[in-house]
Amino acid sequence: MRTSLNVSEDILEEFDETWQAEGLDSRSRAIREAMQEYIEGHSQLEEVSGEVVAVLAFDYQHHEVIHDLHSAQHQFQDIIETMSHTHQGEWCLETVFCHGDAARVRELVYRLRDFDGVGRVKTMLLRSTAPADPE
């Protein structure tokens, strides 16, 4: 299946340099692998249940979203244990340590992704207390 997408020249150039440096044979293969990683990361977040420990890392433009982020922090204080903040030029980097129900953590991740001023939200699930699926 063929598809097209719009990306900035800078991102495409960086993407091409990355997949070529890794020795992949084509941009198509690199895109397929990137899509698979995205799907796997999303599926893991969707499928986890029970109590979890997670770390969320995200970057954002301070002036665009700081008031909304403060509201979200208060709204999710039942699962947010601690936060770390640093400045990277015009951008800020935030790390949020969560402990609580997986559905609440998922809700927080999706809330953060809704903000236009947030660049990326990376989620690392560290532990789940839900029983493993019997196979």
N, C-alpha and C. Protein backbone atom coordinates (compact mmCIF):
# COMPACT_ATOMS: atom_id res chain seq x y z
N MET A 1 0.84 -1.18 0.00
CA MET A 1 0.00 0.00 0.00
C MET A 1 0.89 1.24 0.00
N ARG A 2 0.57 2.16 -0.85
CA ARG A 2 1.31 3.43 -0.90
C ARG A 2 0.54 4.49 -0.14
N THR A 3 1.30 5.36 0.49
CA THR A 3 0.69 6.48 1.20
C THR A 3 1.66 7.65 1.12
N SER A 4 1.19 8.81 1.45
CA SER A 4 2.08 9.98 1.48
C SER A 4 1.82 10.72 2.78
N LEU A 5 2.82 11.49 3.19
CA LEU A 5 2.67 12.29 4.39
C LEU A 5 3.52 13.53 4.27
N ASN A 6 3.17 14.51 5.05
CA ASN A 6 3.90 15.77 5.04
C ASN A 6 4.76 15.86 6.29
N VAL A 7 6.07 16.05 6.09
CA VAL A 7 7.00 16.26 7.19
C VAL A 7 7.94 17.39 6.78
N SER A 8 8.49 18.04 7.78
CA SER A 8 9.41 19.12 7.48
C SER A 8 10.69 18.56 6.87
N GLU A 9 11.36 19.37 6.11
CA GLU A 9 12.61 18.96 5.47
C GLU A 9 13.66 18.56 6.52
N ASP A 10 13.70 19.31 7.63
CA ASP A 10 14.67 19.01 8.69
C ASP A 10 14.44 17.63 9.29
N ILE A 11 13.19 17.30 9.57
CA ILE A 11 12.88 15.99 10.17
C ILE A 11 13.19 14.87 9.19
N LEU A 12 12.82 15.06 7.92
CA LEU A 12 13.09 14.04 6.92
C LEU A 12 14.59 13.80 6.75
N GLU A 13 15.35 14.87 6.73
CA GLU A 13 16.80 14.75 6.60
C GLU A 13 17.38 13.99 7.79
N GLU A 14 16.95 14.33 8.99
CA GLU A 14 17.43 13.65 10.20
C GLU A 14 17.00 12.18 10.21
N PHE A 15 15.77 11.92 9.79
CA PHE A 15 15.26 10.55 9.72
C PHE A 15 16.10 9.73 8.75
N ASP A 16 16.36 10.30 7.55
CA ASP A 16 17.15 9.59 6.55
C ASP A 16 18.56 9.29 7.06
N GLU A 17 19.17 10.25 7.73
CA GLU A 17 20.51 10.02 8.28
C GLU A 17 20.48 8.90 9.31
N THR A 18 19.43 8.85 10.10
CA THR A 18 19.33 7.85 11.17
C THR A 18 19.17 6.45 10.60
N TRP A 19 18.22 6.25 9.69
CA TRP A 19 18.02 4.88 9.18
C TRP A 19 19.20 4.42 8.35
N GLN A 20 19.83 5.33 7.64
CA GLN A 20 21.01 4.94 6.86
C GLN A 20 22.17 4.57 7.78
N ALA A 21 22.35 5.33 8.87
CA ALA A 21 23.43 5.02 9.82
C ALA A 21 23.19 3.67 10.50
N GLU A 22 21.93 3.28 10.66
CA GLU A 22 21.61 1.98 11.26
C GLU A 22 21.73 0.84 10.25
N GLY A 23 21.96 1.17 8.99
CA GLY A 23 22.16 0.14 7.98
C GLY A 23 20.88 -0.45 7.41
N LEU A 24 19.76 0.22 7.58
CA LEU A 24 18.52 -0.27 6.97
C LEU A 24 18.60 -0.07 5.47
N ASP A 25 17.83 -0.87 4.73
CA ASP A 25 17.95 -0.84 3.28
C ASP A 25 17.05 0.18 2.59
N SER A 26 16.08 0.77 3.31
CA SER A 26 15.21 1.75 2.65
C SER A 26 14.47 2.61 3.67
N ARG A 27 14.03 3.76 3.22
CA ARG A 27 13.21 4.64 4.04
C ARG A 27 11.89 3.96 4.37
N SER A 28 11.34 3.20 3.43
CA SER A 28 10.08 2.50 3.68
C SER A 28 10.21 1.53 4.85
N ARG A 29 11.30 0.78 4.86
CA ARG A 29 11.49 -0.15 5.96
C ARG A 29 11.63 0.60 7.28
N ALA A 30 12.35 1.69 7.27
CA ALA A 30 12.53 2.49 8.49
C ALA A 30 11.19 3.02 8.99
N ILE A 31 10.36 3.47 8.08
CA ILE A 31 9.04 3.98 8.47
C ILE A 31 8.18 2.86 9.03
N ARG A 32 8.22 1.68 8.40
CA ARG A 32 7.46 0.54 8.92
C ARG A 32 7.91 0.19 10.34
N GLU A 33 9.22 0.18 10.58
CA GLU A 33 9.73 -0.14 11.91
C GLU A 33 9.32 0.93 12.92
N ALA A 34 9.39 2.19 12.52
CA ALA A 34 8.99 3.27 13.42
C ALA A 34 7.49 3.17 13.76
N MET A 35 6.69 2.83 12.77
CA MET A 35 5.26 2.66 13.00
C MET A 35 5.00 1.49 13.95
N GLN A 36 5.73 0.41 13.77
CA GLN A 36 5.57 -0.76 14.64
C GLN A 36 5.93 -0.42 16.08
N GLU A 37 7.01 0.31 16.28
CA GLU A 37 7.39 0.72 17.63
C GLU A 37 6.31 1.60 18.26
N TYR A 38 5.74 2.49 17.46
CA TYR A 38 4.67 3.36 17.95
C TYR A 38 3.46 2.52 18.38
N ILE A 39 3.09 1.56 17.55
CA ILE A 39 1.95 0.69 17.85
C ILE A 39 2.21 -0.12 19.11
N GLU A 40 3.40 -0.68 19.24
CA GLU A 40 3.75 -1.48 20.42
C GLU A 40 3.69 -0.64 21.69
N GLY A 41 4.24 0.57 21.63
CA GLY A 41 4.20 1.45 22.79
C GLY A 41 2.78 1.83 23.17
N HIS A 42 1.97 2.10 22.18
CA HIS A 42 0.58 2.47 22.44
C HIS A 42 -0.20 1.28 22.98
N SER A 43 0.02 0.11 22.41
CA SER A 43 -0.69 -1.10 22.84
C SER A 43 -0.35 -1.43 24.28
N GLN A 44 0.90 -1.30 24.66
CA GLN A 44 1.31 -1.59 26.03
C GLN A 44 0.55 -0.70 27.00
N LEU A 45 0.45 0.56 26.68
CA LEU A 45 -0.27 1.50 27.54
C LEU A 45 -1.76 1.17 27.58
N GLU A 46 -2.32 0.77 26.47
CA GLU A 46 -3.75 0.44 26.40
C GLU A 46 -4.08 -0.85 27.13
N GLU A 47 -3.18 -1.82 27.11
CA GLU A 47 -3.48 -3.15 27.62
C GLU A 47 -3.21 -3.33 29.11
N VAL A 48 -2.38 -2.49 29.70
CA VAL A 48 -2.03 -2.66 31.10
C VAL A 48 -3.24 -2.31 31.97
N SER A 49 -3.36 -3.03 33.10
CA SER A 49 -4.45 -2.76 34.03
C SER A 49 -3.92 -2.92 35.45
N GLY A 50 -4.74 -2.56 36.40
CA GLY A 50 -4.34 -2.67 37.79
C GLY A 50 -3.47 -1.50 38.21
N GLU A 51 -2.74 -1.70 39.27
CA GLU A 51 -1.87 -0.66 39.79
C GLU A 51 -0.54 -0.68 39.05
N VAL A 52 -0.06 0.48 38.66
CA VAL A 52 1.20 0.57 37.93
C VAL A 52 2.11 1.63 38.54
N VAL A 53 3.38 1.49 38.24
CA VAL A 53 4.37 2.52 38.51
C VAL A 53 4.88 2.93 37.14
N ALA A 54 4.88 4.22 36.86
CA ALA A 54 5.27 4.69 35.53
C ALA A 54 6.02 6.01 35.63
N VAL A 55 6.83 6.26 34.62
CA VAL A 55 7.52 7.53 34.47
C VAL A 55 7.06 8.13 33.15
N LEU A 56 6.63 9.37 33.19
CA LEU A 56 6.25 10.10 31.99
C LEU A 56 7.27 11.22 31.79
N ALA A 57 7.81 11.31 30.60
CA ALA A 57 8.73 12.40 30.29
C ALA A 57 8.15 13.15 29.10
N PHE A 58 8.12 14.47 29.20
CA PHE A 58 7.58 15.25 28.09
C PHE A 58 8.25 16.61 28.01
N ASP A 59 8.28 17.14 26.80
CA ASP A 59 8.84 18.47 26.58
C ASP A 59 7.72 19.39 26.15
N TYR A 60 7.86 20.67 26.49
CA TYR A 60 6.80 21.62 26.16
C TYR A 60 7.33 23.04 26.13
N GLN A 61 6.55 23.87 25.46
CA GLN A 61 6.85 25.30 25.42
C GLN A 61 6.17 25.94 26.62
N HIS A 62 6.98 26.44 27.52
CA HIS A 62 6.52 26.92 28.83
C HIS A 62 5.33 27.87 28.73
N HIS A 63 5.47 28.93 27.97
CA HIS A 63 4.45 29.98 27.96
C HIS A 63 3.13 29.53 27.36
N GLU A 64 3.18 28.54 26.49
CA GLU A 64 1.95 28.08 25.83
C GLU A 64 1.05 27.24 26.73
N VAL A 65 1.64 26.48 27.64
CA VAL A 65 0.83 25.48 28.35
C VAL A 65 0.98 25.46 29.86
N ILE A 66 1.78 26.33 30.44
CA ILE A 66 2.08 26.20 31.86
C ILE A 66 0.84 26.23 32.73
N HIS A 67 -0.14 27.07 32.44
CA HIS A 67 -1.35 27.14 33.27
C HIS A 67 -2.17 25.86 33.15
N ASP A 68 -2.28 25.34 31.92
CA ASP A 68 -3.01 24.09 31.71
C ASP A 68 -2.30 22.92 32.38
N LEU A 69 -0.97 22.92 32.33
CA LEU A 69 -0.20 21.85 32.99
C LEU A 69 -0.39 21.87 34.50
N HIS A 70 -0.41 23.06 35.07
CA HIS A 70 -0.65 23.15 36.51
C HIS A 70 -2.03 22.61 36.87
N SER A 71 -3.02 22.90 36.06
CA SER A 71 -4.36 22.36 36.29
C SER A 71 -4.36 20.84 36.21
N ALA A 72 -3.67 20.29 35.21
CA ALA A 72 -3.60 18.84 35.06
C ALA A 72 -2.88 18.20 36.24
N GLN A 73 -1.82 18.85 36.72
CA GLN A 73 -1.09 18.32 37.88
C GLN A 73 -2.02 18.19 39.08
N HIS A 74 -2.86 19.18 39.29
CA HIS A 74 -3.80 19.13 40.42
C HIS A 74 -4.88 18.08 40.18
N GLN A 75 -5.35 17.99 38.95
CA GLN A 75 -6.39 17.02 38.61
C GLN A 75 -5.92 15.59 38.81
N PHE A 76 -4.62 15.33 38.63
CA PHE A 76 -4.07 13.98 38.71
C PHE A 76 -3.15 13.78 39.92
N GLN A 77 -3.33 14.60 40.95
CA GLN A 77 -2.46 14.48 42.11
C GLN A 77 -2.63 13.16 42.86
N ASP A 78 -3.72 12.43 42.56
CA ASP A 78 -3.91 11.12 43.19
C ASP A 78 -2.92 10.07 42.67
N ILE A 79 -2.34 10.29 41.48
CA ILE A 79 -1.38 9.33 40.93
C ILE A 79 0.02 9.91 40.76
N ILE A 80 0.16 11.23 40.78
CA ILE A 80 1.48 11.87 40.62
C ILE A 80 2.18 11.87 41.97
N GLU A 81 3.33 11.19 42.03
CA GLU A 81 4.08 11.15 43.29
C GLU A 81 5.10 12.27 43.37
N THR A 82 5.80 12.53 42.28
CA THR A 82 6.78 13.60 42.27
C THR A 82 7.06 14.00 40.83
N MET A 83 7.65 15.18 40.68
CA MET A 83 7.95 15.70 39.35
C MET A 83 9.34 16.31 39.36
N SER A 84 9.96 16.33 38.20
CA SER A 84 11.26 16.97 38.03
C SER A 84 11.17 17.86 36.80
N HIS A 85 11.77 19.04 36.88
CA HIS A 85 11.63 20.03 35.82
C HIS A 85 13.00 20.63 35.50
N THR A 86 13.27 20.80 34.21
CA THR A 86 14.49 21.48 33.79
C THR A 86 14.20 22.30 32.55
N HIS A 87 15.02 23.30 32.32
CA HIS A 87 14.86 24.18 31.16
C HIS A 87 15.85 23.80 30.06
N GLN A 88 15.37 23.78 28.84
CA GLN A 88 16.20 23.51 27.67
C GLN A 88 15.95 24.62 26.65
N GLY A 89 16.53 25.78 26.89
CA GLY A 89 16.29 26.93 26.01
C GLY A 89 14.85 27.38 26.14
N GLU A 90 14.16 27.46 25.01
CA GLU A 90 12.76 27.87 25.00
C GLU A 90 11.82 26.76 25.47
N TRP A 91 12.35 25.56 25.54
CA TRP A 91 11.55 24.39 25.92
C TRP A 91 11.84 24.00 27.36
N CYS A 92 10.85 23.36 27.97
CA CYS A 92 11.02 22.78 29.29
C CYS A 92 10.90 21.27 29.16
N LEU A 93 11.57 20.57 30.05
CA LEU A 93 11.48 19.12 30.10
C LEU A 93 10.97 18.74 31.48
N GLU A 94 9.93 17.93 31.50
CA GLU A 94 9.28 17.52 32.76
C GLU A 94 9.31 16.00 32.84
N THR A 95 9.60 15.50 34.02
CA THR A 95 9.53 14.07 34.29
C THR A 95 8.55 13.90 35.44
N VAL A 96 7.56 13.04 35.23
CA VAL A 96 6.51 12.82 36.22
C VAL A 96 6.54 11.36 36.65
N PHE A 97 6.64 11.13 37.94
CA PHE A 97 6.64 9.78 38.48
C PHE A 97 5.25 9.48 39.02
N CYS A 98 4.64 8.42 38.48
CA CYS A 98 3.26 8.09 38.82
C CYS A 98 3.17 6.73 39.50
N HIS A 99 2.17 6.61 40.36
CA HIS A 99 1.87 5.34 41.01
C HIS A 99 0.36 5.32 41.25
N GLY A 100 -0.30 4.34 40.63
CA GLY A 100 -1.74 4.26 40.80
C GLY A 100 -2.39 3.43 39.72
N ASP A 101 -3.68 3.59 39.60
CA ASP A 101 -4.46 2.82 38.65
C ASP A 101 -4.02 3.11 37.21
N ALA A 102 -3.84 2.05 36.44
CA ALA A 102 -3.38 2.19 35.05
C ALA A 102 -4.31 3.08 34.23
N ALA A 103 -5.60 3.00 34.47
CA ALA A 103 -6.55 3.82 33.72
C ALA A 103 -6.31 5.31 33.97
N ARG A 104 -5.96 5.67 35.20
CA ARG A 104 -5.67 7.08 35.53
C ARG A 104 -4.37 7.53 34.88
N VAL A 105 -3.36 6.66 34.89
CA VAL A 105 -2.09 7.01 34.25
C VAL A 105 -2.32 7.21 32.76
N ARG A 106 -3.06 6.32 32.14
CA ARG A 106 -3.39 6.43 30.72
C ARG A 106 -4.12 7.74 30.44
N GLU A 107 -5.06 8.08 31.30
CA GLU A 107 -5.82 9.33 31.15
C GLU A 107 -4.89 10.54 31.21
N LEU A 108 -3.92 10.51 32.13
CA LEU A 108 -2.95 11.61 32.24
C LEU A 108 -2.10 11.70 30.98
N VAL A 109 -1.63 10.58 30.47
CA VAL A 109 -0.81 10.59 29.25
C VAL A 109 -1.59 11.23 28.11
N TYR A 110 -2.84 10.82 27.92
CA TYR A 110 -3.65 11.36 26.82
C TYR A 110 -3.97 12.83 27.04
N ARG A 111 -4.14 13.23 28.28
CA ARG A 111 -4.38 14.65 28.58
C ARG A 111 -3.17 15.48 28.19
N LEU A 112 -1.97 15.01 28.55
CA LEU A 112 -0.75 15.74 28.20
C LEU A 112 -0.58 15.83 26.69
N ARG A 113 -0.90 14.76 25.98
CA ARG A 113 -0.75 14.76 24.52
C ARG A 113 -1.73 15.70 23.84
N ASP A 114 -2.79 16.09 24.52
CA ASP A 114 -3.79 17.00 23.95
C ASP A 114 -3.30 18.44 23.85
N PHE A 115 -2.30 18.81 24.65
CA PHE A 115 -1.83 20.19 24.66
C PHE A 115 -0.98 20.46 23.42
N ASP A 116 -1.32 21.52 22.69
CA ASP A 116 -0.57 21.88 21.49
C ASP A 116 0.89 22.21 21.80
N GLY A 117 1.16 22.78 22.95
CA GLY A 117 2.51 23.19 23.30
C GLY A 117 3.39 22.06 23.79
N VAL A 118 2.82 20.86 23.95
CA VAL A 118 3.61 19.71 24.38
C VAL A 118 4.15 19.01 23.14
N GLY A 119 5.47 18.80 23.12
CA GLY A 119 6.09 18.18 21.96
C GLY A 119 5.86 16.69 21.90
N ARG A 120 6.36 15.98 22.88
CA ARG A 120 6.25 14.51 22.93
C ARG A 120 5.99 14.10 24.36
N VAL A 121 5.31 12.98 24.52
CA VAL A 121 5.12 12.37 25.83
C VAL A 121 5.61 10.94 25.71
N LYS A 122 6.65 10.61 26.46
CA LYS A 122 7.19 9.25 26.48
C LYS A 122 6.78 8.59 27.78
N THR A 123 6.33 7.35 27.69
CA THR A 123 5.86 6.62 28.86
C THR A 123 6.72 5.39 29.07
N MET A 124 7.15 5.20 30.30
CA MET A 124 7.88 3.99 30.64
C MET A 124 7.15 3.33 31.82
N LEU A 125 6.55 2.17 31.54
CA LEU A 125 5.89 1.41 32.59
C LEU A 125 6.94 0.59 33.33
N LEU A 126 7.04 0.81 34.62
CA LEU A 126 8.07 0.13 35.40
C LEU A 126 7.55 -1.11 36.10
N ARG A 127 6.28 -1.08 36.48
CA ARG A 127 5.74 -2.22 37.20
C ARG A 127 4.23 -2.21 37.13
N SER A 128 3.66 -3.39 37.05
CA SER A 128 2.22 -3.55 37.08
C SER A 128 1.89 -4.64 38.08
N THR A 129 0.87 -4.43 38.89
CA THR A 129 0.48 -5.43 39.86
C THR A 129 -0.64 -6.31 39.34
N ALA A 130 -1.07 -6.06 38.10
CA ALA A 130 -2.13 -6.90 37.52
C ALA A 130 -1.58 -8.29 37.24
N PRO A 131 -2.40 -9.33 37.46
CA PRO A 131 -1.91 -10.68 37.16
C PRO A 131 -1.67 -10.86 35.67
N ALA A 132 -0.68 -11.67 35.35
CA ALA A 132 -0.38 -11.95 33.94
C ALA A 132 -1.50 -12.77 33.33
N ASP A 133 -1.72 -12.58 32.03
CA ASP A 133 -2.74 -13.37 31.32
C ASP A 133 -2.30 -14.81 31.23
N PRO A 134 -3.18 -15.76 31.60
CA PRO A 134 -2.81 -17.17 31.43
C PRO A 134 -2.84 -17.54 29.95
N GLU A 135 -1.86 -18.32 29.52
CA GLU A 135 -1.82 -18.70 28.11
C GLU A 135 -1.98 -20.17 27.93
